[in-house]
Amino acid sequence: MSLSDDADYRLDFRGAITSLTLLKLTRVFREMKTDQTLEVLGLDADTRSDLFRLLPEVAYKLIAIDEHDEASIRVYLRKT
């Protein structure tokens, strides 16, 4: 079983507009319950940095970052 199979929420942002990506991500994260996991696929390096600046460090635990290439970055977070 992979991390992807265990995710409670999945967001695929490949080809999405960055500002809309971050807006949707914050909305989904607010709706999540404690200990639920989020898989985010398709973040470029800049958007990934914005993600970590946007979410307070105490609100999540980083489970994993899987980078195959610049266009295929997966981030797994658990809400705390």
PDB file of N, CA and C in Angstrom:
ATOM      1  N   MET A   1       0.844  -1.177   0.000  1.00  0.00           N
ATOM      2  CA  MET A   1       0.000   0.000   0.000  1.00  0.00           C
ATOM      3  C   MET A   1       0.893   1.245   0.000  1.00  0.00           C
ATOM      4  N   SER A   2       0.599   2.192  -0.875  1.00  0.00           N
ATOM      5  CA  SER A   2       1.408   3.402  -0.978  1.00  0.00           C
ATOM      6  C   SER A   2       0.793   4.531  -0.161  1.00  0.00           C
ATOM      7  N   LEU A   3       1.555   5.603   0.007  1.00  0.00           N
ATOM      8  CA  LEU A   3       1.035   6.784   0.688  1.00  0.00           C
ATOM      9  C   LEU A   3      -0.209   7.303  -0.011  1.00  0.00           C
ATOM     10  N   SER A   4      -0.210   7.248  -1.328  1.00  0.00           N
ATOM     11  CA  SER A   4      -1.338   7.734  -2.109  1.00  0.00           C
ATOM     12  C   SER A   4      -2.619   6.984  -1.758  1.00  0.00           C
ATOM     13  N   ASP A   5      -2.512   5.695  -1.497  1.00  0.00           N
ATOM     14  CA  ASP A   5      -3.674   4.889  -1.134  1.00  0.00           C
ATOM     15  C   ASP A   5      -4.240   5.293   0.221  1.00  0.00           C
ATOM     16  N   ASP A   6      -3.410   5.839   1.088  1.00  0.00           N
ATOM     17  CA  ASP A   6      -3.821   6.193   2.437  1.00  0.00           C
ATOM     18  C   ASP A   6      -4.339   7.623   2.566  1.00  0.00           C
ATOM     19  N   ALA A   7      -4.196   8.444   1.546  1.00  0.00           N
ATOM     20  CA  ALA A   7      -4.566   9.859   1.639  1.00  0.00           C
ATOM     21  C   ALA A   7      -6.086  10.012   1.747  1.00  0.00           C
ATOM     22  N   ASP A   8      -6.509  10.874   2.678  1.00  0.00           N
ATOM     23  CA  ASP A   8      -7.928  11.180   2.828  1.00  0.00           C
ATOM     24  C   ASP A   8      -8.393  12.162   1.754  1.00  0.00           C
ATOM     25  N   TYR A   9      -7.503  13.053   1.354  1.00  0.00           N
ATOM     26  CA  TYR A   9      -7.788  14.055   0.323  1.00  0.00           C
ATOM     27  C   TYR A   9      -6.673  14.030  -0.703  1.00  0.00           C
ATOM     28  N   ARG A  10      -7.044  14.218  -1.976  1.00  0.00           N
ATOM     29  CA  ARG A  10      -6.059  14.279  -3.054  1.00  0.00           C
ATOM     30  C   ARG A  10      -6.363  15.503  -3.917  1.00  0.00           C
ATOM     31  N   LEU A  11      -5.340  16.279  -4.184  1.00  0.00           N
ATOM     32  CA  LEU A  11      -5.466  17.424  -5.080  1.00  0.00           C
ATOM     33  C   LEU A  11      -4.444  17.270  -6.187  1.00  0.00           C
ATOM     34  N   ASP A  12      -4.894  17.360  -7.435  1.00  0.00           N
ATOM     35  CA  ASP A  12      -4.011  17.253  -8.590  1.00  0.00           C
ATOM     36  C   ASP A  12      -3.967  18.617  -9.261  1.00  0.00           C
ATOM     37  N   PHE A  13      -2.835  19.290  -9.153  1.00  0.00           N
ATOM     38  CA  PHE A  13      -2.706  20.639  -9.667  1.00  0.00           C
ATOM     39  C   PHE A  13      -1.859  20.724 -10.937  1.00  0.00           C
ATOM     40  N   ARG A  14      -1.642  19.615 -11.591  1.00  0.00           N
ATOM     41  CA  ARG A  14      -0.873  19.658 -12.839  1.00  0.00           C
ATOM     42  C   ARG A  14      -1.619  20.531 -13.853  1.00  0.00           C
ATOM     43  N   GLY A  15      -0.942  21.565 -14.336  1.00  0.00           N
ATOM     44  CA  GLY A  15      -1.525  22.456 -15.326  1.00  0.00           C
ATOM     45  C   GLY A  15      -2.455  23.518 -14.761  1.00  0.00           C
ATOM     46  N   ALA A  16      -2.569  23.605 -13.451  1.00  0.00           N
ATOM     47  CA  ALA A  16      -3.474  24.569 -12.830  1.00  0.00           C
ATOM     48  C   ALA A  16      -2.806  25.933 -12.671  1.00  0.00           C
ATOM     49  N   ILE A  17      -3.627  26.950 -12.501  1.00  0.00           N
ATOM     50  CA  ILE A  17      -3.134  28.313 -12.269  1.00  0.00           C
ATOM     51  C   ILE A  17      -2.742  28.434 -10.799  1.00  0.00           C
ATOM     52  N   THR A  18      -1.550  28.953 -10.538  1.00  0.00           N
ATOM     53  CA  THR A  18      -0.974  28.959  -9.196  1.00  0.00           C
ATOM     54  C   THR A  18      -1.860  29.617  -8.150  1.00  0.00           C
ATOM     55  N   SER A  19      -2.400  30.791  -8.420  1.00  0.00           N
ATOM     56  CA  SER A  19      -3.212  31.474  -7.406  1.00  0.00           C
ATOM     57  C   SER A  19      -4.456  30.666  -7.059  1.00  0.00           C
ATOM     58  N   LEU A  20      -5.078  30.033  -8.039  1.00  0.00           N
ATOM     59  CA  LEU A  20      -6.247  29.193  -7.771  1.00  0.00           C
ATOM     60  C   LEU A  20      -5.850  27.926  -7.022  1.00  0.00           C
ATOM     61  N   THR A  21      -4.670  27.421  -7.323  1.00  0.00           N
ATOM     62  CA  THR A  21      -4.144  26.238  -6.645  1.00  0.00           C
ATOM     63  C   THR A  21      -4.051  26.480  -5.143  1.00  0.00           C
ATOM     64  N   LEU A  22      -3.436  27.586  -4.762  1.00  0.00           N
ATOM     65  CA  LEU A  22      -3.243  27.886  -3.340  1.00  0.00           C
ATOM     66  C   LEU A  22      -4.561  28.177  -2.639  1.00  0.00           C
ATOM     67  N   LEU A  23      -5.491  28.813  -3.329  1.00  0.00           N
ATOM     68  CA  LEU A  23      -6.807  29.086  -2.756  1.00  0.00           C
ATOM     69  C   LEU A  23      -7.556  27.779  -2.469  1.00  0.00           C
ATOM     70  N   LYS A  24      -7.563  26.876  -3.441  1.00  0.00           N
ATOM     71  CA  LYS A  24      -8.234  25.582  -3.256  1.00  0.00           C
ATOM     72  C   LYS A  24      -7.554  24.769  -2.154  1.00  0.00           C
ATOM     73  N   LEU A  25      -6.240  24.786  -2.136  1.00  0.00           N
ATOM     74  CA  LEU A  25      -5.514  24.029  -1.131  1.00  0.00           C
ATOM     75  C   LEU A  25      -5.852  24.509   0.282  1.00  0.00           C
ATOM     76  N   THR A  26      -5.888  25.811   0.498  1.00  0.00           N
ATOM     77  CA  THR A  26      -6.209  26.323   1.839  1.00  0.00           C
ATOM     78  C   THR A  26      -7.642  25.991   2.216  1.00  0.00           C
ATOM     79  N   ARG A  27      -8.567  26.018   1.249  1.00  0.00           N
ATOM     80  CA  ARG A  27      -9.965  25.665   1.537  1.00  0.00           C
ATOM     81  C   ARG A  27     -10.079  24.200   1.957  1.00  0.00           C
ATOM     82  N   VAL A  28      -9.447  23.321   1.205  1.00  0.00           N
ATOM     83  CA  VAL A  28      -9.490  21.891   1.525  1.00  0.00           C
ATOM     84  C   VAL A  28      -8.829  21.634   2.881  1.00  0.00           C
ATOM     85  N   PHE A  29      -7.690  22.271   3.123  1.00  0.00           N
ATOM     86  CA  PHE A  29      -6.979  22.061   4.382  1.00  0.00           C
ATOM     87  C   PHE A  29      -7.836  22.496   5.577  1.00  0.00           C
ATOM     88  N   ARG A  30      -8.557  23.601   5.444  1.00  0.00           N
ATOM     89  CA  ARG A  30      -9.445  24.061   6.524  1.00  0.00           C
ATOM     90  C   ARG A  30     -10.563  23.052   6.804  1.00  0.00           C
ATOM     91  N   GLU A  31     -11.051  22.377   5.758  1.00  0.00           N
ATOM     92  CA  GLU A  31     -12.139  21.417   5.902  1.00  0.00           C
ATOM     93  C   GLU A  31     -11.679  20.085   6.505  1.00  0.00           C
ATOM     94  N   MET A  32     -10.384  19.818   6.437  1.00  0.00           N
ATOM     95  CA  MET A  32      -9.862  18.549   6.940  1.00  0.00           C
ATOM     96  C   MET A  32      -9.970  18.480   8.457  1.00  0.00           C
ATOM     97  N   LYS A  33     -10.123  17.258   8.952  1.00  0.00           N
ATOM     98  CA  LYS A  33     -10.112  17.021  10.388  1.00  0.00           C
ATOM     99  C   LYS A  33      -8.697  16.650  10.834  1.00  0.00           C
ATOM    100  N   THR A  34      -8.442  16.770  12.114  1.00  0.00           N
ATOM    101  CA  THR A  34      -7.151  16.396  12.681  1.00  0.00           C
ATOM    102  C   THR A  34      -6.816  14.950  12.311  1.00  0.00           C
ATOM    103  N   ASP A  35      -5.567  14.698  11.988  1.00  0.00           N
ATOM    104  CA  ASP A  35      -5.015  13.396  11.613  1.00  0.00           C
ATOM    105  C   ASP A  35      -5.419  12.914  10.224  1.00  0.00           C
ATOM    106  N   GLN A  36      -6.145  13.721   9.469  1.00  0.00           N
ATOM    107  CA  GLN A  36      -6.403  13.344   8.084  1.00  0.00           C
ATOM    108  C   GLN A  36      -5.202  13.749   7.234  1.00  0.00           C
ATOM    109  N   THR A  37      -5.030  13.036   6.130  1.00  0.00           N
ATOM    110  CA  THR A  37      -3.876  13.281   5.266  1.00  0.00           C
ATOM    111  C   THR A  37      -4.302  13.875   3.930  1.00  0.00           C
ATOM    112  N   LEU A  38      -3.379  14.624   3.366  1.00  0.00           N
ATOM    113  CA  LEU A  38      -3.593  15.298   2.089  1.00  0.00           C
ATOM    114  C   LEU A  38      -2.432  14.969   1.166  1.00  0.00           C
ATOM    115  N   GLU A  39      -2.752  14.541  -0.035  1.00  0.00           N
ATOM    116  CA  GLU A  39      -1.750  14.329  -1.081  1.00  0.00           C
ATOM    117  C   GLU A  39      -1.942  15.435  -2.112  1.00  0.00           C
ATOM    118  N   VAL A  40      -0.880  16.163  -2.407  1.00  0.00           N
ATOM    119  CA  VAL A  40      -0.933  17.227  -3.410  1.00  0.00           C
ATOM    120  C   VAL A  40       0.028  16.842  -4.522  1.00  0.00           C
ATOM    121  N   LEU A  41      -0.481  16.776  -5.736  1.00  0.00           N
ATOM    122  CA  LEU A  41       0.311  16.363  -6.891  1.00  0.00           C
ATOM    123  C   LEU A  41       0.421  17.521  -7.876  1.00  0.00           C
ATOM    124  N   GLY A  42       1.609  17.686  -8.434  1.00  0.00           N
ATOM    125  CA  GLY A  42       1.786  18.635  -9.511  1.00  0.00           C
ATOM    126  C   GLY A  42       2.252  20.004  -9.092  1.00  0.00           C
ATOM    127  N   LEU A  43       2.798  20.128  -7.919  1.00  0.00           N
ATOM    128  CA  LEU A  43       3.313  21.418  -7.476  1.00  0.00           C
ATOM    129  C   LEU A  43       4.678  21.673  -8.102  1.00  0.00           C
ATOM    130  N   ASP A  44       4.869  22.876  -8.632  1.00  0.00           N
ATOM    131  CA  ASP A  44       6.217  23.232  -9.045  1.00  0.00           C
ATOM    132  C   ASP A  44       6.964  23.733  -7.812  1.00  0.00           C
ATOM    133  N   ALA A  45       8.241  23.963  -7.940  1.00  0.00           N
ATOM    134  CA  ALA A  45       9.062  24.320  -6.774  1.00  0.00           C
ATOM    135  C   ALA A  45       8.591  25.615  -6.112  1.00  0.00           C
ATOM    136  N   ASP A  46       8.214  26.622  -6.899  1.00  0.00           N
ATOM    137  CA  ASP A  46       7.755  27.886  -6.324  1.00  0.00           C
ATOM    138  C   ASP A  46       6.439  27.726  -5.573  1.00  0.00           C
ATOM    139  N   THR A  47       5.502  27.000  -6.155  1.00  0.00           N
ATOM    140  CA  THR A  47       4.208  26.789  -5.504  1.00  0.00           C
ATOM    141  C   THR A  47       4.375  25.967  -4.237  1.00  0.00           C
ATOM    142  N   ARG A  48       5.277  25.002  -4.270  1.00  0.00           N
ATOM    143  CA  ARG A  48       5.550  24.199  -3.077  1.00  0.00           C
ATOM    144  C   ARG A  48       6.076  25.091  -1.957  1.00  0.00           C
ATOM    145  N   SER A  49       6.968  26.006  -2.272  1.00  0.00           N
ATOM    146  CA  SER A  49       7.480  26.945  -1.265  1.00  0.00           C
ATOM    147  C   SER A  49       6.360  27.816  -0.713  1.00  0.00           C
ATOM    148  N   ASP A  50       5.475  28.283  -1.604  1.00  0.00           N
ATOM    149  CA  ASP A  50       4.327  29.092  -1.163  1.00  0.00           C
ATOM    150  C   ASP A  50       3.424  28.294  -0.238  1.00  0.00           C
ATOM    151  N   LEU A  51       3.248  27.026  -0.535  1.00  0.00           N
ATOM    152  CA  LEU A  51       2.419  26.152   0.299  1.00  0.00           C
ATOM    153  C   LEU A  51       2.929  26.124   1.733  1.00  0.00           C
ATOM    154  N   PHE A  52       4.229  25.946   1.898  1.00  0.00           N
ATOM    155  CA  PHE A  52       4.792  25.855   3.239  1.00  0.00           C
ATOM    156  C   PHE A  52       4.803  27.202   3.954  1.00  0.00           C
ATOM    157  N   ARG A  53       4.820  28.297   3.215  1.00  0.00           N
ATOM    158  CA  ARG A  53       4.710  29.625   3.838  1.00  0.00           C
ATOM    159  C   ARG A  53       3.266  29.921   4.227  1.00  0.00           C
ATOM    160  N   LEU A  54       2.322  29.389   3.462  1.00  0.00           N
ATOM    161  CA  LEU A  54       0.900  29.656   3.660  1.00  0.00           C
ATOM    162  C   LEU A  54       0.323  28.920   4.865  1.00  0.00           C
ATOM    163  N   LEU A  55       0.713  27.672   5.044  1.00  0.00           N
ATOM    164  CA  LEU A  55       0.182  26.866   6.150  1.00  0.00           C
ATOM    165  C   LEU A  55       1.074  27.030   7.378  1.00  0.00           C
ATOM    166  N   PRO A  56       0.476  27.308   8.533  1.00  0.00           N
ATOM    167  CA  PRO A  56       1.290  27.428   9.751  1.00  0.00           C
ATOM    168  C   PRO A  56       1.969  26.095  10.079  1.00  0.00           C
ATOM    169  N   GLU A  57       3.226  26.146  10.484  1.00  0.00           N
ATOM    170  CA  GLU A  57       3.983  24.920  10.775  1.00  0.00           C
ATOM    171  C   GLU A  57       3.314  24.040  11.820  1.00  0.00           C
ATOM    172  N   VAL A  58       2.626  24.643  12.766  1.00  0.00           N
ATOM    173  CA  VAL A  58       1.986  23.856  13.827  1.00  0.00           C
ATOM    174  C   VAL A  58       0.704  23.181  13.345  1.00  0.00           C
ATOM    175  N   ALA A  59       0.234  23.490  12.135  1.00  0.00           N
ATOM    176  CA  ALA A  59      -1.034  22.954  11.640  1.00  0.00           C
ATOM    177  C   ALA A  59      -0.887  21.631  10.897  1.00  0.00           C
ATOM    178  N   TYR A  60       0.339  21.246  10.559  1.00  0.00           N
ATOM    179  CA  TYR A  60       0.522  20.026   9.773  1.00  0.00           C
ATOM    180  C   TYR A  60       1.849  19.358  10.110  1.00  0.00           C
ATOM    181  N   LYS A  61       1.920  18.085   9.724  1.00  0.00           N
ATOM    182  CA  LYS A  61       3.180  17.347   9.782  1.00  0.00           C
ATOM    183  C   LYS A  61       3.485  16.900   8.354  1.00  0.00           C
ATOM    184  N   LEU A  62       4.686  17.209   7.893  1.00  0.00           N
ATOM    185  CA  LEU A  62       5.107  16.776   6.571  1.00  0.00           C
ATOM    186  C   LEU A  62       5.422  15.290   6.624  1.00  0.00           C
ATOM    187  N   ILE A  63       4.723  14.512   5.843  1.00  0.00           N
ATOM    188  CA  ILE A  63       4.938  13.068   5.810  1.00  0.00           C
ATOM    189  C   ILE A  63       6.013  12.716   4.782  1.00  0.00           C
ATOM    190  N   ALA A  64       5.885  13.290   3.576  1.00  0.00           N
ATOM    191  CA  ALA A  64       6.859  12.974   2.524  1.00  0.00           C
ATOM    192  C   ALA A  64       6.760  13.966   1.386  1.00  0.00           C
ATOM    193  N   ILE A  65       7.872  14.116   0.684  1.00  0.00           N
ATOM    194  CA  ILE A  65       7.911  14.839  -0.590  1.00  0.00           C
ATOM    195  C   ILE A  65       8.522  13.887  -1.588  1.00  0.00           C
ATOM    196  N   ASP A  66       7.829  13.677  -2.676  1.00  0.00           N
ATOM    197  CA  ASP A  66       8.276  12.758  -3.719  1.00  0.00           C
ATOM    198  C   ASP A  66       8.490  13.571  -4.994  1.00  0.00           C
ATOM    199  N   GLU A  67       9.753  13.757  -5.372  1.00  0.00           N
ATOM    200  CA  GLU A  67      10.084  14.562  -6.550  1.00  0.00           C
ATOM    201  C   GLU A  67      10.629  13.670  -7.657  1.00  0.00           C
ATOM    202  N   HIS A  68       9.846  13.520  -8.711  1.00  0.00           N
ATOM    203  CA  HIS A  68      10.348  12.777  -9.876  1.00  0.00           C
ATOM    204  C   HIS A  68      11.038  13.725 -10.838  1.00  0.00           C
ATOM    205  N   ASP A  69      10.451  14.885 -11.023  1.00  0.00           N
ATOM    206  CA  ASP A  69      11.049  15.950 -11.819  1.00  0.00           C
ATOM    207  C   ASP A  69      10.347  17.245 -11.415  1.00  0.00           C
ATOM    208  N   GLU A  70      10.735  18.343 -12.029  1.00  0.00           N
ATOM    209  CA  GLU A  70      10.201  19.656 -11.662  1.00  0.00           C
ATOM    210  C   GLU A  70       8.676  19.727 -11.801  1.00  0.00           C
ATOM    211  N   ALA A  71       8.101  19.000 -12.752  1.00  0.00           N
ATOM    212  CA  ALA A  71       6.670  19.076 -13.009  1.00  0.00           C
ATOM    213  C   ALA A  71       5.880  18.012 -12.262  1.00  0.00           C
ATOM    214  N   SER A  72       6.539  17.141 -11.552  1.00  0.00           N
ATOM    215  CA  SER A  72       5.848  16.035 -10.897  1.00  0.00           C
ATOM    216  C   SER A  72       6.288  15.906  -9.449  1.00  0.00           C
ATOM    217  N   ILE A  73       5.860  16.841  -8.638  1.00  0.00           N
ATOM    218  CA  ILE A  73       6.192  16.819  -7.215  1.00  0.00           C
ATOM    219  C   ILE A  73       4.936  16.472  -6.429  1.00  0.00           C
ATOM    220  N   ARG A  74       5.046  15.471  -5.555  1.00  0.00           N
ATOM    221  CA  ARG A  74       3.949  15.110  -4.656  1.00  0.00           C
ATOM    222  C   ARG A  74       4.349  15.493  -3.240  1.00  0.00           C
ATOM    223  N   VAL A  75       3.403  16.061  -2.521  1.00  0.00           N
ATOM    224  CA  VAL A  75       3.611  16.420  -1.119  1.00  0.00           C
ATOM    225  C   VAL A  75       2.514  15.744  -0.308  1.00  0.00           C
ATOM    226  N   TYR A  76       2.903  15.107   0.778  1.00  0.00           N
ATOM    227  CA  TYR A  76       1.966  14.451   1.683  1.00  0.00           C
ATOM    228  C   TYR A  76       2.015  15.151   3.036  1.00  0.00           C
ATOM    229  N   LEU A  77       0.856  15.601   3.512  1.00  0.00           N
ATOM    230  CA  LEU A  77       0.756  16.305   4.781  1.00  0.00           C
ATOM    231  C   LEU A  77      -0.286  15.631   5.668  1.00  0.00           C
ATOM    232  N   ARG A  78      -0.090  15.694   6.967  1.00  0.00           N
ATOM    233  CA  ARG A  78      -1.098  15.247   7.927  1.00  0.00           C
ATOM    234  C   ARG A  78      -1.464  16.447   8.789  1.00  0.00           C
ATOM    235  N   LYS A  79      -2.745  16.725   8.874  1.00  0.00           N
ATOM    236  CA  LYS A  79      -3.197  17.853   9.687  1.00  0.00           C
ATOM    237  C   LYS A  79      -3.063  17.493  11.157  1.00  0.00           C
ATOM    238  N   THR A  80      -2.502  18.428  11.939  1.00  0.00           N
ATOM    239  CA  THR A  80      -2.313  18.178  13.377  1.00  0.00           C
ATOM    240  C   THR A  80      -3.295  18.951  14.210  1.00  0.00           C
TER     241      THR A  80
END
